[in-house]
Every structure is written in C-alpha cells, then in structure tokens.
C-alpha cells in the first residue's frame, strides 16, 4: 500500500505528479496510525510512504518506527536534500530495523544536466551526498529514476555511475504527464523507446550487478520462452494508492479513479467491496488483444494505469505491450 503523506516539498519540480509545494497538504498523524492498523488487518505487509518530500512530514520518524515495530516492511523515496539534517534520526531506526527499511533517492542521470532535465540541476550534488551518507549509515539504498527522452539515451553510463556509488538497486519509471507534468505531454516516451529499453536491459547485467527494476507486467516477454512467467499489474490487485486528501485509487497513475476516501470508508471495505477493484481483478473483462492473449490470466492486461491514461479505459489493453504494438503494426 502506498500513502502520499504530504504534498509539502522543498522543491517545485515542473513534472511533479503530486503538484507538491512548500505549503502542501498532509494527512493527520493519528489518521495515518489508524490507517496502518487497518492495513495490517487486511494483510498488508509492505508500506511505501511518499510525498511531496516525506521527510517534511511532522513526526515522520516516529511514524516509521511505529510501522516497523509491527513487523511491516517500509520504504520511502526522498530527493535527498534533508538527509544530512535527519541522518541521526534515521540511524536510530536503522539500528533496530535495518532489515525492514528501504530508502530510495531520486536521481535522474549521471550528471547535473541530465538529472536537471526536470529537476533543479543543483540538487544533483545533494542527491549524491545523500546516497553516500545513507550507504555509510547501513541503509538499503535504491535509486529512483524518471525516464525521459534524454536520460534514456545514456542508461549504460548511468548504471556504471551507480555501480561506482555501490548502489545495487535502481528503479526506472517512465515519465507520465500528470499533475504539473500535464503540460509536458510531448515528453511521453514512445512504445518503441520502451521496447528498445527492455530489449537491451538484460545485457546491462554485465555493467550493473544489482537489480534493474522496471515495473511493466509484460517485461517477461523479453525473456527466453522457457523462463517466461507472467505477473500481474499491482493496481488494485496487490496495491492501493492513498493521496494526501485521503482519496483511494488503484494506483498513482489512475488519480481520478477514486474508489473511496479514508475519512469516510475503511480500507477493508474499499479493498473487499470496490466495484472497480473487482473489475480490475477479473481478467475475463479485459478488452482488445488482451481478451484472447495466452498470457492474459497471468499478465492481466499489463499496466492498468497506462491503459487508463492513454486509452481512457482501465480495462483496455496496455498500449505499450509489445504484443499489442506488433498487432497494430501488422494491421497498418
């Protein structure tokens, strides 16, 4: 389960999905505590805390300790600016729960120029400093990279750069023009760019020995046939997204598919009774090429957020899926 604790942020990035700002909005601390309790009762085992900048949330480290004390795994992503002033609080938690806590740092390239494609260029050095400081403190550090039309050209160089920083986990997310990013629709990566990225991904293991994450359910199609094992999109199936207003959606990309609100509905009721979630969990309702695909029941239609954002229907086929793309090219 992912919780947008706050939309407060010490930056004002033009591509921000959360439309974060210095003022921002936050979910009250006590409501988060009860939300954690509710989540655990329905079987949630992993919590992601987001923002905005989560380190600006009042009582953030007390909240982390509460979550971890329940045996839940916890992760959060930071821009890194506040790590130097918060590192002692983080070290205190790591002494008890280093095996349960993961920290991600936003880094979009191996240089200030590439990192600054959307973000302020001067934050590059702060992100590197945060990574080094977190590593030295014993944290499990990952890098979160938003793919754009420039940094996707230098992935091997970026991976070499991360290896030199002793990073063993990097997660790539394609830019989505949502929130403030809505004005950058021309920056959306093409299906061909994503296809080429994934086609090359397995060769990058020679450069980067850690995990290269790219959360597309159909990534298995780039493996040899005998190794292919389809896994579903997490939206509404193994994951919920809660924004700072308390609205619950199947994922962060489906921001206006609101299936409940934590101030009026229990997480249990939403999870078990939502009509939208029931449809997302039923692969027989999928449309287009997915309806008759041999991988349908495992893949479950690819990314539901992309289908909704690009096609306007969360039951449509994922327009980035190679099978869907090849079908369109054949018809053309």
Protein backbone atom coordinates (compact mmCIF):
# COMPACT_ATOMS: atom_id res chain seq x y z
CA UNK A 1 0.00 0.00 0.00
CA UNK A 2 1.32 3.45 -0.92
CA UNK A 3 0.49 6.55 1.11
CA UNK A 4 1.11 10.11 -0.03
CA UNK A 5 1.74 11.52 3.44
CA UNK A 6 2.06 15.10 2.32
CA UNK A 7 2.34 17.32 -0.72
CA UNK A 8 4.74 19.61 1.13
CA UNK A 9 8.09 19.78 -0.63
CA UNK A 10 11.28 21.83 -0.54
CA UNK A 11 11.39 21.77 -4.35
CA UNK A 12 8.95 22.83 -7.05
CA UNK A 13 9.74 20.42 -9.91
CA UNK A 14 7.75 21.15 -13.09
CA UNK A 15 6.95 17.48 -13.75
CA UNK A 16 5.63 16.67 -10.26
CA UNK A 17 2.68 14.28 -10.31
CA UNK A 18 1.71 15.29 -6.75
CA UNK A 19 1.87 19.02 -7.58
CA UNK A 20 3.87 19.40 -4.38
CA UNK A 21 4.76 22.82 -2.96
CA UNK A 22 6.13 24.49 0.16
CA UNK A 23 2.63 24.72 1.66
CA UNK A 24 1.12 21.41 0.60
CA UNK A 25 -1.43 19.25 2.39
CA UNK A 26 -0.84 16.39 4.83
CA UNK A 27 -2.83 13.50 6.26
CA UNK A 28 -3.12 13.92 10.06
CA UNK A 29 -0.67 11.79 12.03
CA UNK A 30 -3.35 10.00 14.09
CA UNK A 31 -5.25 9.04 10.93
CA UNK A 32 -2.08 7.54 9.47
CA UNK A 33 -1.58 5.45 12.62
CA UNK A 34 -5.10 4.04 12.42
CA UNK A 35 -4.65 3.52 8.68
CA UNK A 36 -1.55 1.41 9.35
CA UNK A 37 -3.53 -0.69 11.83
CA UNK A 38 -6.34 -1.18 9.31
CA UNK A 39 -3.89 -2.09 6.57
CA UNK A 40 -2.25 -4.75 8.69
CA UNK A 41 -5.63 -6.33 9.43
CA UNK A 42 -6.32 -6.90 5.72
CA UNK A 43 -2.92 -8.46 5.17
CA UNK A 44 -0.76 -5.54 4.03
CA UNK A 45 2.90 -6.39 4.58
CA UNK A 46 4.66 -3.57 2.73
CA UNK A 47 4.08 0.18 3.03
CA UNK A 48 5.50 2.89 0.79
CA UNK A 49 5.48 6.42 2.19
CA UNK A 50 5.59 9.21 -0.36
CA UNK A 51 5.09 12.88 -0.96
CA UNK A 52 5.92 15.61 -1.72
CA UNK A 53 9.03 15.19 0.35
CA UNK A 54 8.16 12.64 3.07
CA UNK A 55 10.93 13.91 5.37
CA UNK A 56 8.93 17.14 5.76
CA UNK A 57 6.01 15.26 7.31
CA UNK A 58 5.67 16.12 11.01
CA UNK A 59 6.54 13.09 13.12
CA UNK A 60 7.92 11.18 10.14
CA UNK A 61 10.48 9.10 12.02
CA UNK A 62 8.09 8.30 14.87
CA UNK A 63 5.67 7.08 12.21
CA UNK A 64 8.40 4.95 10.61
CA UNK A 65 9.21 3.38 13.96
CA UNK A 66 5.53 2.64 14.61
CA UNK A 67 5.17 0.90 11.25
CA UNK A 68 8.40 -1.07 11.59
CA UNK A 69 7.58 -2.14 15.16
CA UNK A 70 4.62 -4.03 13.71
CA UNK A 71 6.92 -6.09 11.52
CA UNK A 72 5.86 -4.37 8.31
CA UNK A 73 8.37 -3.61 5.58
CA UNK A 74 8.70 0.08 4.85
CA UNK A 75 10.17 2.19 2.08
CA UNK A 76 10.22 5.84 1.15
CA UNK A 77 11.76 7.95 -1.61
CA UNK A 78 13.43 11.28 -0.89
CA UNK A 79 15.06 13.98 -3.00
CA UNK A 80 17.95 13.80 -0.54
CA UNK A 81 18.13 17.46 0.45
CA UNK A 82 17.18 16.85 4.09
CA UNK A 83 19.20 13.68 4.68
CA UNK A 84 22.20 15.49 6.27
CA UNK A 85 19.96 17.08 8.94
CA UNK A 86 17.85 13.96 9.50
CA UNK A 87 20.51 11.26 9.36
CA UNK A 88 20.81 10.78 13.13
CA UNK A 89 17.08 10.05 13.44
CA UNK A 90 17.37 7.60 10.58
CA UNK A 91 20.40 5.89 12.12
CA UNK A 92 18.45 5.37 15.33
CA UNK A 93 15.79 3.47 13.40
CA UNK A 94 18.30 1.54 11.30
CA UNK A 95 19.91 0.14 14.45
CA UNK A 96 16.65 -1.68 15.19
CA UNK A 97 15.07 -2.29 11.80
CA UNK A 98 17.73 -2.21 9.09
CA UNK A 99 16.31 -5.40 7.53
CA UNK A 100 12.82 -3.91 7.13
CA UNK A 101 13.57 -0.38 5.91
CA UNK A 102 14.49 0.69 2.39
CA UNK A 103 15.34 4.23 1.30
CA UNK A 104 15.11 5.46 -2.28
CA UNK A 105 16.80 8.59 -3.59
CA UNK A 106 15.57 10.38 -6.71
CA UNK A 107 18.36 10.61 -9.27
CA UNK A 108 17.65 11.04 -12.97
CA UNK A 109 21.09 10.76 -14.53
CA UNK A 110 24.87 10.65 -14.09
CA UNK A 111 25.35 14.42 -14.43
CA UNK A 112 23.74 17.64 -13.17
CA UNK A 113 22.49 18.35 -16.69
CA UNK A 114 20.66 15.03 -17.10
CA UNK A 115 19.41 14.99 -13.52
CA UNK A 116 18.21 18.55 -14.12
CA UNK A 117 16.09 17.74 -17.16
CA UNK A 118 13.04 18.28 -14.95
CA UNK A 119 14.58 18.89 -11.52
CA UNK A 120 16.82 21.78 -10.37
CA UNK A 121 20.36 20.96 -11.57
CA UNK A 122 21.89 21.96 -8.24
CA UNK A 123 20.09 19.08 -6.49
CA UNK A 124 22.37 16.56 -8.22
CA UNK A 125 25.17 17.02 -5.67
CA UNK A 126 22.67 16.83 -2.79
CA UNK A 127 21.32 13.52 -4.10
CA UNK A 128 24.83 12.06 -4.38
CA UNK A 129 25.71 13.27 -0.88
CA UNK A 130 22.52 11.68 0.46
CA UNK A 131 23.28 8.36 -1.23
CA UNK A 132 26.80 8.25 0.23
CA UNK A 133 25.59 9.23 3.69
CA UNK A 134 22.81 6.64 3.65
CA UNK A 135 25.17 3.91 2.46
CA UNK A 136 27.65 4.74 5.22
CA UNK A 137 24.82 4.53 7.76
CA UNK A 138 23.95 0.99 6.70
CA UNK A 139 20.69 1.76 4.90
CA UNK A 140 19.41 -0.29 2.00
CA UNK A 141 19.59 2.38 -0.68
CA UNK A 142 17.93 2.31 -4.07
CA UNK A 143 17.82 4.92 -6.80
CA UNK A 144 14.54 6.01 -8.36
CA UNK A 145 14.92 7.39 -11.89
CA UNK A 146 12.21 9.01 -14.01
CA UNK A 147 12.93 8.08 -17.62
CA UNK A 148 12.76 10.88 -20.15
CA UNK A 149 13.82 11.40 -23.75
CA UNK A 150 17.38 12.37 -22.80
CA UNK A 151 18.46 10.10 -19.95
CA UNK A 152 17.11 7.01 -21.72
CA UNK A 153 19.96 7.51 -24.22
CA UNK A 154 22.67 7.02 -21.58
CA UNK A 155 21.42 4.14 -19.43
CA UNK A 156 24.70 2.12 -19.62
CA UNK A 157 26.67 5.17 -18.45
CA UNK A 158 24.16 5.79 -15.68
CA UNK A 159 24.39 2.18 -14.49
CA UNK A 160 28.19 2.37 -14.42
CA UNK A 161 27.88 5.57 -12.39
CA UNK A 162 25.55 3.86 -9.90
CA UNK A 163 27.88 0.87 -9.61
CA UNK A 164 30.67 3.23 -8.60
CA UNK A 165 28.37 4.51 -5.83
CA UNK A 166 27.81 0.90 -4.65
CA UNK A 167 24.12 1.05 -5.49
CA UNK A 168 22.62 -2.40 -6.03
CA UNK A 169 19.01 -1.46 -6.80
CA UNK A 170 17.73 1.01 -9.39
CA UNK A 171 14.10 1.50 -10.36
CA UNK A 172 13.13 3.15 -13.62
CA UNK A 173 9.74 4.81 -14.09
CA UNK A 174 8.61 6.25 -17.43
CA UNK A 175 7.60 9.89 -17.23
CA UNK A 176 3.83 10.35 -17.07
CA UNK A 177 2.34 13.80 -17.78
CA UNK A 178 0.15 14.01 -14.69
CA UNK A 179 -0.16 16.74 -12.09
CA UNK A 180 2.13 19.64 -13.00
CA UNK A 181 3.65 17.38 -15.64
CA UNK A 182 0.43 17.57 -17.70
CA UNK A 183 1.96 20.40 -19.74
CA UNK A 184 4.76 18.10 -20.94
CA UNK A 185 2.71 15.59 -22.93
CA UNK A 186 5.24 15.77 -25.76
CA UNK A 187 7.79 14.26 -23.37
CA UNK A 188 5.98 10.91 -23.07
CA UNK A 189 8.25 8.10 -24.24
CA UNK A 190 7.10 6.18 -27.29
CA UNK A 191 6.26 2.48 -27.13
CA UNK A 192 9.30 1.90 -29.35
CA UNK A 193 11.59 3.65 -26.84
CA UNK A 194 10.24 1.45 -24.03
CA UNK A 195 10.58 -1.64 -26.23
CA UNK A 196 14.21 -0.83 -27.03
CA UNK A 197 14.93 -0.15 -23.35
CA UNK A 198 13.64 -3.56 -22.29
CA UNK A 199 15.28 -5.35 -25.20
CA UNK A 200 18.66 -4.08 -24.00
CA UNK A 201 18.00 -4.42 -20.28
CA UNK A 202 19.34 -7.96 -19.82
CA UNK A 203 22.64 -7.06 -21.49
CA UNK A 204 23.17 -4.37 -18.85
CA UNK A 205 23.74 -7.03 -16.18
CA UNK A 206 27.37 -7.02 -17.32
CA UNK A 207 27.60 -3.37 -16.27
CA UNK A 208 25.33 -3.40 -13.23
CA UNK A 209 25.27 -6.46 -10.97
CA UNK A 210 22.27 -5.39 -8.92
CA UNK A 211 18.54 -5.23 -9.59
CA UNK A 212 17.33 -3.17 -12.54
CA UNK A 213 13.65 -2.59 -11.90
CA UNK A 214 11.12 -1.51 -14.49
CA UNK A 215 7.59 -2.25 -13.40
CA UNK A 216 5.87 -3.37 -16.55
CA UNK A 217 3.92 -6.64 -16.19
CA UNK A 218 4.80 -7.72 -19.73
CA UNK A 219 8.57 -7.47 -19.21
CA UNK A 220 8.64 -11.27 -19.12
CA UNK A 221 8.12 -11.24 -22.91
CA UNK A 222 11.79 -10.29 -23.29
CA UNK A 223 12.93 -13.50 -21.59
CA UNK A 224 13.52 -16.83 -23.36
CA UNK A 225 10.18 -18.71 -23.71
CA UNK A 226 11.08 -21.31 -21.06
CA UNK A 227 11.78 -18.59 -18.48
CA UNK A 228 8.64 -16.57 -19.08
CA UNK A 229 6.40 -16.23 -16.07
CA UNK A 230 3.71 -13.59 -16.31
CA UNK A 231 2.95 -11.48 -13.26
CA UNK A 232 0.03 -9.06 -12.85
CA UNK A 233 -0.09 -5.30 -12.66
CA UNK A 234 -0.26 -4.37 -8.97
CA UNK A 235 -3.05 -1.80 -9.35
CA UNK A 236 -5.94 -2.88 -7.15
CA UNK A 237 -4.60 -6.41 -7.16
CA UNK A 238 -1.78 -6.18 -4.64
CA UNK A 239 -1.62 -2.40 -4.19
CA UNK A 240 -3.66 0.67 -3.31
CA UNK A 241 -2.69 4.33 -3.53
CA UNK A 242 -3.86 6.92 -0.98
CA UNK A 243 -3.28 10.60 -1.72
CA UNK A 244 -2.87 13.46 0.74
CA UNK A 245 -6.61 14.27 0.53
CA UNK A 246 -7.43 10.75 1.69
CA UNK A 247 -8.71 9.62 -1.70
CA UNK A 248 -8.01 5.97 -2.50
CA UNK A 249 -7.21 4.89 -6.07
CA UNK A 250 -5.91 1.63 -7.58
CA UNK A 251 -2.57 3.29 -8.42
CA UNK A 252 -0.88 6.69 -8.64
CA UNK A 253 -1.46 6.88 -12.41
CA UNK A 254 -5.23 6.48 -12.00
CA UNK A 255 -5.57 9.67 -10.00
CA UNK A 256 -9.22 10.34 -10.82
CA UNK A 257 -10.45 6.74 -10.43
CA UNK A 258 -11.41 7.34 -6.81
CA UNK A 259 -12.75 4.22 -5.10
CA UNK A 260 -13.12 5.60 -1.58
CA UNK A 261 -11.79 8.02 1.00
CA UNK A 262 -10.07 7.17 4.28
CA UNK A 263 -12.13 9.79 6.14
CA UNK A 264 -15.39 8.08 5.19
CA UNK A 265 -14.53 4.46 4.36
CA UNK A 266 -12.46 1.75 5.97
CA UNK A 267 -9.60 0.28 3.96
CA UNK A 268 -11.14 -3.16 4.47
CA UNK A 269 -14.45 -2.08 2.94
CA UNK A 270 -12.73 -0.46 -0.03
CA UNK A 271 -10.47 -3.45 -0.61
CA UNK A 272 -13.23 -6.04 -0.44
CA UNK A 273 -16.25 -4.19 -1.84
CA UNK A 274 -15.00 -1.76 -4.50
CA UNK A 275 -16.70 -2.42 -7.85
CA UNK A 276 -13.67 -1.01 -9.68
CA UNK A 277 -11.26 -3.33 -7.88
CA UNK A 278 -13.46 -6.32 -8.63
CA UNK A 279 -13.30 -5.46 -12.33
CA UNK A 280 -9.53 -4.96 -12.24
CA UNK A 281 -9.13 -8.39 -10.64
CA UNK A 282 -11.17 -10.18 -13.30
CA UNK A 283 -9.03 -10.82 -16.41
CA UNK A 284 -12.06 -12.05 -18.36
CA UNK A 285 -13.24 -8.41 -18.56
CA UNK A 286 -10.13 -7.22 -20.41
CA UNK A 287 -10.65 -5.75 -23.87
CA UNK A 288 -8.71 -5.67 -27.11
CA UNK A 289 -5.83 -8.09 -27.77
CA UNK A 290 -5.61 -8.91 -24.05
CA UNK A 291 -9.03 -10.57 -24.13
CA UNK A 292 -7.70 -13.53 -26.11
CA UNK A 293 -3.99 -13.40 -25.19
CA UNK A 294 -2.37 -16.62 -23.96
CA UNK A 295 -0.77 -14.66 -21.10
CA UNK A 296 -4.00 -12.94 -20.05
CA UNK A 297 -4.59 -14.64 -16.70
CA UNK A 298 -1.01 -14.06 -15.54
CA UNK A 299 -0.22 -10.65 -17.01
CA UNK A 300 -3.79 -9.37 -16.51
CA UNK A 301 -3.55 -6.81 -19.27
CA UNK A 302 -0.27 -5.09 -18.49
CA UNK A 303 -0.17 -1.69 -16.81
CA UNK A 304 -3.71 -0.60 -15.95
CA UNK A 305 -2.52 2.95 -15.32
CA UNK A 306 -1.11 3.27 -18.83
CA UNK A 307 -4.26 1.76 -20.32
CA UNK A 308 -6.38 4.27 -18.44
CA UNK A 309 -4.16 7.28 -19.10
CA UNK A 310 -3.53 6.63 -22.79
CA UNK A 311 -6.78 4.90 -23.79
CA UNK A 312 -9.25 6.27 -21.23
CA UNK A 313 -10.32 2.80 -20.07
CA UNK A 314 -8.61 0.74 -17.37
CA UNK A 315 -9.92 -2.46 -18.99
CA UNK A 316 -8.27 -1.72 -22.35
CA UNK A 317 -5.09 -3.42 -23.46
CA UNK A 318 -1.86 -1.77 -22.33
CA UNK A 319 -0.88 0.24 -25.45
CA UNK A 320 2.84 -0.24 -24.67
CA UNK A 321 2.68 -4.05 -24.59
CA UNK A 322 4.86 -5.49 -27.41
CA UNK A 323 2.10 -7.89 -28.44
CA UNK A 324 -0.37 -5.01 -28.75
CA UNK A 325 2.15 -2.81 -30.59
CA UNK A 326 3.09 -5.57 -33.04
CA UNK A 327 -0.60 -6.24 -33.70
CA UNK A 328 -1.18 -2.58 -34.59
CA UNK A 329 1.89 -2.54 -36.84
CA UNK A 330 0.64 -5.66 -38.65
CA UNK A 331 -2.79 -4.11 -39.19
CA UNK A 332 -1.19 -0.92 -40.50
